[in-house]
Amino acid sequence: MKPISIVYIVLRLFLGGFMIYGGIQKFQKPIPTPVEVVEKAEKFISPEKENTLQKILYISGAKQTGYFWQVLGICELLFGLLLILQGTSFVGALFLLPITLHIFLFHLFLESDELPELLQTFGLFAVNIVLVLKERRHWQHLLWIKPI
């Protein structure tokens, strides 16, 4: 086995494991009631805590829909498993791309002061891009339609 193949396997296991862990975490805590969300948010009303308030309202809003947080968790679990399995790794990487992009953008716009988390989420997104680009020979023909 080539050393480069081992690197791709490690990257797949890393990203897949991270997504599976994140998916499981979505179901670990009960969803707060709207009253609990408001009570928590009221603690961060002051202008200097606006950034924290935005994060609380965003995540709580996703949880309050009654479906989005759970669907995100299921997708992270399922796509992480697809990524770890040899035969379905490309499909898993492709389906995870918008999720890792969203995670990175969340941290870029709402937690830009948290440099370690920003770098970690950028790393996840970059690994995801590398895994999709690795299989470009399988999908590149879809981008270029040859004239008849």
Protein backbone atom coordinates (compact mmCIF):
# COMPACT_ATOMS: atom_id res chain seq x y z
CA MET A 1 0.00 0.00 0.00
CA LYS A 2 1.32 3.41 -0.97
CA PRO A 3 2.01 5.91 1.82
CA ILE A 4 -0.34 8.40 0.13
CA SER A 5 -3.17 5.85 0.36
CA ILE A 6 -2.56 5.51 4.06
CA VAL A 7 -2.82 9.30 4.41
CA TYR A 8 -6.23 9.27 2.68
CA ILE A 9 -7.41 6.43 4.91
CA VAL A 10 -6.32 8.34 8.01
CA LEU A 11 -8.07 11.49 6.75
CA ARG A 12 -11.27 9.53 6.06
CA LEU A 13 -11.19 7.94 9.52
CA PHE A 14 -10.46 11.28 11.17
CA LEU A 15 -13.26 13.20 9.43
CA GLY A 16 -15.71 10.30 9.64
CA GLY A 17 -15.00 9.78 13.33
CA PHE A 18 -15.35 13.48 14.03
CA MET A 19 -18.73 13.60 12.26
CA ILE A 20 -19.98 10.48 14.03
CA TYR A 21 -18.97 11.99 17.37
CA GLY A 22 -20.70 15.28 16.47
CA GLY A 23 -23.83 13.42 15.39
CA ILE A 24 -23.99 11.49 18.65
CA GLN A 25 -23.54 14.71 20.65
CA LYS A 26 -26.68 16.14 19.02
CA PHE A 27 -28.74 13.54 20.93
CA GLN A 28 -26.92 13.64 24.29
CA LYS A 29 -28.72 16.60 25.86
CA PRO A 30 -32.46 17.23 25.92
CA ILE A 31 -33.72 20.10 23.78
CA PRO A 32 -34.41 23.17 25.94
CA THR A 33 -37.89 24.60 26.08
CA PRO A 34 -38.50 28.04 24.54
CA VAL A 35 -38.73 29.51 28.05
CA GLU A 36 -35.32 28.07 28.96
CA VAL A 37 -33.85 29.54 25.77
CA VAL A 38 -35.22 33.00 26.57
CA GLU A 39 -33.95 32.80 30.16
CA LYS A 40 -30.48 31.82 28.95
CA ALA A 41 -30.47 34.50 26.24
CA GLU A 42 -31.51 37.24 28.68
CA LYS A 43 -28.19 36.77 30.52
CA PHE A 44 -26.35 37.98 27.41
CA ILE A 45 -28.42 41.04 26.44
CA SER A 46 -25.63 43.58 27.00
CA PRO A 47 -23.80 44.89 23.88
CA GLU A 48 -20.43 43.43 24.91
CA LYS A 49 -21.97 39.93 25.01
CA GLU A 50 -23.79 40.24 21.68
CA ASN A 51 -21.55 37.64 20.00
CA THR A 52 -22.43 35.03 22.62
CA LEU A 53 -26.11 35.94 22.30
CA GLN A 54 -25.97 35.37 18.54
CA LYS A 55 -24.50 31.87 19.03
CA ILE A 56 -27.09 30.97 21.67
CA LEU A 57 -29.99 32.16 19.53
CA TYR A 58 -28.68 30.45 16.40
CA ILE A 59 -28.10 27.04 17.97
CA SER A 60 -31.25 27.27 20.08
CA GLY A 61 -33.26 28.24 17.01
CA ALA A 62 -32.02 25.15 15.19
CA LYS A 63 -33.05 23.04 18.17
CA GLN A 64 -36.43 24.75 18.55
CA THR A 65 -37.55 23.82 15.02
CA GLY A 66 -38.28 20.35 16.32
CA TYR A 67 -36.47 18.65 13.44
CA PHE A 68 -33.38 20.49 12.15
CA TRP A 69 -31.00 19.64 15.00
CA GLN A 70 -32.01 15.97 14.87
CA VAL A 71 -31.75 15.80 11.06
CA LEU A 72 -28.30 17.38 11.25
CA GLY A 73 -27.25 14.79 13.83
CA ILE A 74 -28.59 11.90 11.74
CA CYS A 75 -26.83 13.25 8.63
CA GLU A 76 -23.55 13.61 10.49
CA LEU A 77 -23.85 10.03 11.77
CA LEU A 78 -24.89 8.52 8.44
CA PHE A 79 -22.44 10.45 6.26
CA GLY A 80 -19.62 9.84 8.76
CA LEU A 81 -20.31 6.11 8.55
CA LEU A 82 -20.41 6.28 4.74
CA LEU A 83 -17.05 8.07 4.79
CA ILE A 84 -15.45 5.43 7.01
CA LEU A 85 -16.60 2.52 4.84
CA GLN A 86 -14.30 1.83 1.89
CA GLY A 87 -16.90 1.49 -0.86
CA THR A 88 -19.02 4.48 0.09
CA SER A 89 -16.32 6.92 1.16
CA PHE A 90 -16.71 9.21 -1.86
CA VAL A 91 -20.48 9.52 -1.35
CA GLY A 92 -19.92 10.23 2.35
CA ALA A 93 -17.31 12.90 1.57
CA LEU A 94 -19.55 14.50 -1.04
CA PHE A 95 -22.60 14.60 1.24
CA LEU A 96 -20.52 15.95 4.14
CA LEU A 97 -19.18 18.86 2.10
CA PRO A 98 -22.08 21.29 2.79
CA ILE A 99 -22.10 20.26 6.46
CA THR A 100 -18.38 20.91 6.98
CA LEU A 101 -18.71 24.18 5.03
CA HIS A 102 -21.56 25.23 7.32
CA ILE A 103 -19.60 24.33 10.46
CA PHE A 104 -16.62 26.35 9.22
CA LEU A 105 -18.75 29.36 8.27
CA PHE A 106 -20.52 29.25 11.65
CA HIS A 107 -17.16 29.52 13.39
CA LEU A 108 -15.85 32.10 10.92
CA PHE A 109 -18.78 34.48 11.38
CA LEU A 110 -19.90 33.78 14.97
CA GLU A 111 -16.71 32.64 16.70
CA SER A 112 -13.94 34.33 14.75
CA ASP A 113 -12.23 35.27 18.03
CA GLU A 114 -11.81 31.54 18.87
CA LEU A 115 -8.74 30.89 16.70
CA PRO A 116 -8.16 27.22 17.69
CA GLU A 117 -11.78 26.29 16.87
CA LEU A 118 -11.64 28.29 13.65
CA LEU A 119 -8.48 26.45 12.58
CA GLN A 120 -9.99 23.09 13.57
CA THR A 121 -13.16 23.65 11.57
CA PHE A 122 -11.17 24.96 8.60
CA GLY A 123 -9.10 21.78 8.85
CA LEU A 124 -12.25 19.65 8.74
CA PHE A 125 -13.50 21.52 5.68
CA ALA A 126 -10.08 21.30 3.99
CA VAL A 127 -9.86 17.54 4.65
CA ASN A 128 -13.34 17.15 3.20
CA ILE A 129 -12.32 19.06 0.06
CA VAL A 130 -9.17 16.94 -0.31
CA LEU A 131 -11.23 13.73 -0.04
CA VAL A 132 -13.68 14.92 -2.71
CA LEU A 133 -10.90 16.14 -5.03
CA LYS A 134 -9.10 12.81 -4.66
CA GLU A 135 -11.98 11.19 -6.57
CA ARG A 136 -12.29 13.90 -9.22
CA ARG A 137 -11.79 11.41 -12.04
CA HIS A 138 -15.19 9.95 -11.10
CA TRP A 139 -17.12 13.22 -11.28
CA GLN A 140 -15.06 15.63 -13.37
CA HIS A 141 -16.83 14.60 -16.58
CA LEU A 142 -20.07 15.93 -15.12
CA LEU A 143 -18.64 19.47 -15.17
CA TRP A 144 -17.54 19.51 -18.82
CA ILE A 145 -20.14 18.61 -21.39
CA LYS A 146 -18.51 17.99 -24.75
CA PRO A 147 -20.29 19.50 -27.76
CA ILE A 148 -21.66 17.09 -30.31
